Amino acid sequence: PRPSVPPNGSYEDVLDKPPDPNDIMDLIKNDISSEWNSVGSELNISMNDRDTLRRDGSLTDTNKLEQIVNEWRRSETKPVTWRTMLKALKSLGRQDLIRKVIDYLQMPENYRKYISMNNYSRITF
């Protein structure tokens, strides 16, 4: 079933736009950093690149997730859109994060910018 959409707009308007990497990280890092390798696999990041990250003991899981997101955006292994990220989260069974992203995307753009500047993870709903 499709999530409900407020009458004043649709999150689908932004699904095919490129996400800001800071927005992605603010939304998901606290909940999925330990799954950075799976996220990378879903975004078609090469096994070689993921192995390099795995072997780097100086990086935290959050750093590795950030590297995965940056590599995805740089190499465009899959379309760099919110839709692609939602599909990756769906493949990982992370309905909780899908809901979090959709809730964020349903907000008016100026509010999203405000939240992004003030760290999404500290704001409660």
Protein backbone atom coordinates (compact mmCIF):
# COMPACT_ATOMS: atom_id res chain seq x y z
CA PRO A 1 0.00 0.00 0.00
CA ARG A 2 1.12 3.53 -0.79
CA PRO A 3 1.80 5.80 2.14
CA SER A 4 -0.69 8.56 2.66
CA VAL A 5 0.26 11.89 1.17
CA PRO A 6 -0.86 15.24 2.54
CA PRO A 7 -3.28 17.06 0.22
CA ASN A 8 -0.91 20.00 -0.23
CA GLY A 9 1.72 18.02 -2.09
CA SER A 10 3.32 14.73 -2.89
CA TYR A 11 6.66 13.34 -1.87
CA GLU A 12 6.73 11.75 -5.33
CA ASP A 13 7.57 15.16 -6.75
CA VAL A 14 11.11 14.74 -5.43
CA LEU A 15 11.65 10.98 -5.77
CA ASP A 16 13.58 11.28 -9.00
CA LYS A 17 15.73 14.19 -7.85
CA PRO A 18 19.25 13.70 -6.54
CA PRO A 19 19.40 13.68 -2.75
CA ASP A 20 21.91 15.75 -0.85
CA PRO A 21 24.36 13.30 0.76
CA ASN A 22 24.09 15.18 4.06
CA ASP A 23 20.32 14.64 4.04
CA ILE A 24 20.76 10.92 3.45
CA MET A 25 23.33 10.57 6.19
CA ASP A 26 21.29 12.62 8.68
CA LEU A 27 18.24 10.47 8.00
CA ILE A 28 19.73 6.98 8.08
CA LYS A 29 23.17 6.93 9.71
CA ASN A 30 21.99 6.27 13.26
CA ASP A 31 19.87 3.31 12.19
CA ILE A 32 21.76 1.55 9.43
CA SER A 33 25.48 2.35 9.64
CA SER A 34 26.28 -1.21 10.70
CA GLU A 35 24.67 -2.37 7.43
CA TRP A 36 26.93 -0.19 5.25
CA ASN A 37 28.12 -3.21 3.24
CA SER A 38 24.56 -4.28 2.40
CA VAL A 39 23.64 -0.72 1.46
CA GLY A 40 26.69 -0.66 -0.81
CA SER A 41 25.66 -3.93 -2.42
CA GLU A 42 22.14 -2.60 -3.08
CA LEU A 43 23.62 0.54 -4.68
CA ASN A 44 25.89 -1.62 -6.89
CA ILE A 45 29.12 -0.50 -5.27
CA SER A 46 31.77 -2.97 -6.35
CA MET A 47 32.85 -5.78 -4.05
CA ASN A 48 36.41 -4.50 -4.42
CA ASP A 49 35.46 -1.04 -3.14
CA ARG A 50 33.49 -2.56 -0.26
CA ASP A 51 36.39 -4.89 0.61
CA THR A 52 38.73 -1.90 0.72
CA LEU A 53 36.38 -0.19 3.18
CA ARG A 54 36.03 -3.39 5.23
CA ARG A 55 39.82 -3.68 5.60
CA ASP A 56 40.28 -0.05 6.66
CA GLY A 57 40.34 -0.29 10.44
CA SER A 58 40.50 3.48 10.86
CA LEU A 59 36.94 3.97 9.60
CA THR A 60 33.81 3.66 11.72
CA ASP A 61 30.69 2.07 10.25
CA THR A 62 29.25 5.57 9.85
CA ASN A 63 32.37 6.62 7.89
CA LYS A 64 32.00 3.55 5.70
CA LEU A 65 28.33 4.31 5.03
CA GLU A 66 29.29 7.86 4.12
CA GLN A 67 31.93 6.54 1.72
CA ILE A 68 29.33 4.22 0.16
CA VAL A 69 26.88 7.11 -0.36
CA ASN A 70 29.63 9.31 -1.81
CA GLU A 71 30.82 6.56 -4.16
CA TRP A 72 27.25 5.96 -5.34
CA ARG A 73 26.85 9.67 -6.07
CA ARG A 74 30.25 9.90 -7.78
CA SER A 75 30.09 6.78 -9.95
CA GLU A 76 26.32 6.64 -10.48
CA THR A 77 26.32 2.84 -10.21
CA LYS A 78 22.54 3.22 -9.98
CA PRO A 79 20.52 6.39 -10.61
CA VAL A 80 21.32 8.91 -7.89
CA THR A 81 17.77 9.61 -6.73
CA TRP A 82 15.69 9.33 -3.60
CA ARG A 83 13.77 6.55 -5.39
CA THR A 84 16.94 4.47 -5.69
CA MET A 85 17.73 4.94 -2.00
CA LEU A 86 14.18 3.94 -1.05
CA LYS A 87 14.47 0.81 -3.22
CA ALA A 88 17.73 -0.09 -1.50
CA LEU A 89 16.13 0.35 1.91
CA LYS A 90 13.16 -1.75 0.81
CA SER A 91 15.48 -4.55 -0.33
CA LEU A 92 17.08 -4.46 3.11
CA GLY A 93 13.67 -4.70 4.79
CA ARG A 94 14.05 -1.30 6.43
CA GLN A 95 10.44 -0.10 6.39
CA ASP A 96 11.26 2.08 9.38
CA LEU A 97 13.77 4.07 7.36
CA ILE A 98 11.52 4.20 4.31
CA ARG A 99 8.86 5.82 6.49
CA LYS A 100 11.43 8.24 7.92
CA VAL A 101 12.61 9.27 4.43
CA ILE A 102 9.07 9.64 3.08
CA ASP A 103 8.04 11.69 6.11
CA TYR A 104 11.02 13.94 5.43
CA LEU A 105 10.23 14.23 1.71
CA GLN A 106 6.61 15.16 2.45
CA MET A 107 7.70 18.24 4.35
CA PRO A 108 7.72 21.59 2.53
CA GLU A 109 11.12 22.19 0.92
CA ASN A 110 11.95 25.18 3.11
CA TYR A 111 11.31 23.07 6.21
CA ARG A 112 13.51 20.27 4.84
CA LYS A 113 16.31 22.81 4.36
CA TYR A 114 15.85 24.07 7.92
CA ILE A 115 15.97 20.55 9.31
CA SER A 116 19.01 19.66 7.20
CA MET A 117 20.87 22.72 8.49
CA ASN A 118 19.96 21.84 12.08
CA ASN A 119 20.62 18.08 12.00
CA TYR A 120 17.55 15.96 11.35
CA SER A 121 18.45 13.36 13.94
CA ARG A 122 17.96 15.84 16.81
CA ILE A 123 14.44 16.84 15.77
CA THR A 124 11.54 14.80 17.07
CA PHE A 125 8.05 14.57 15.64
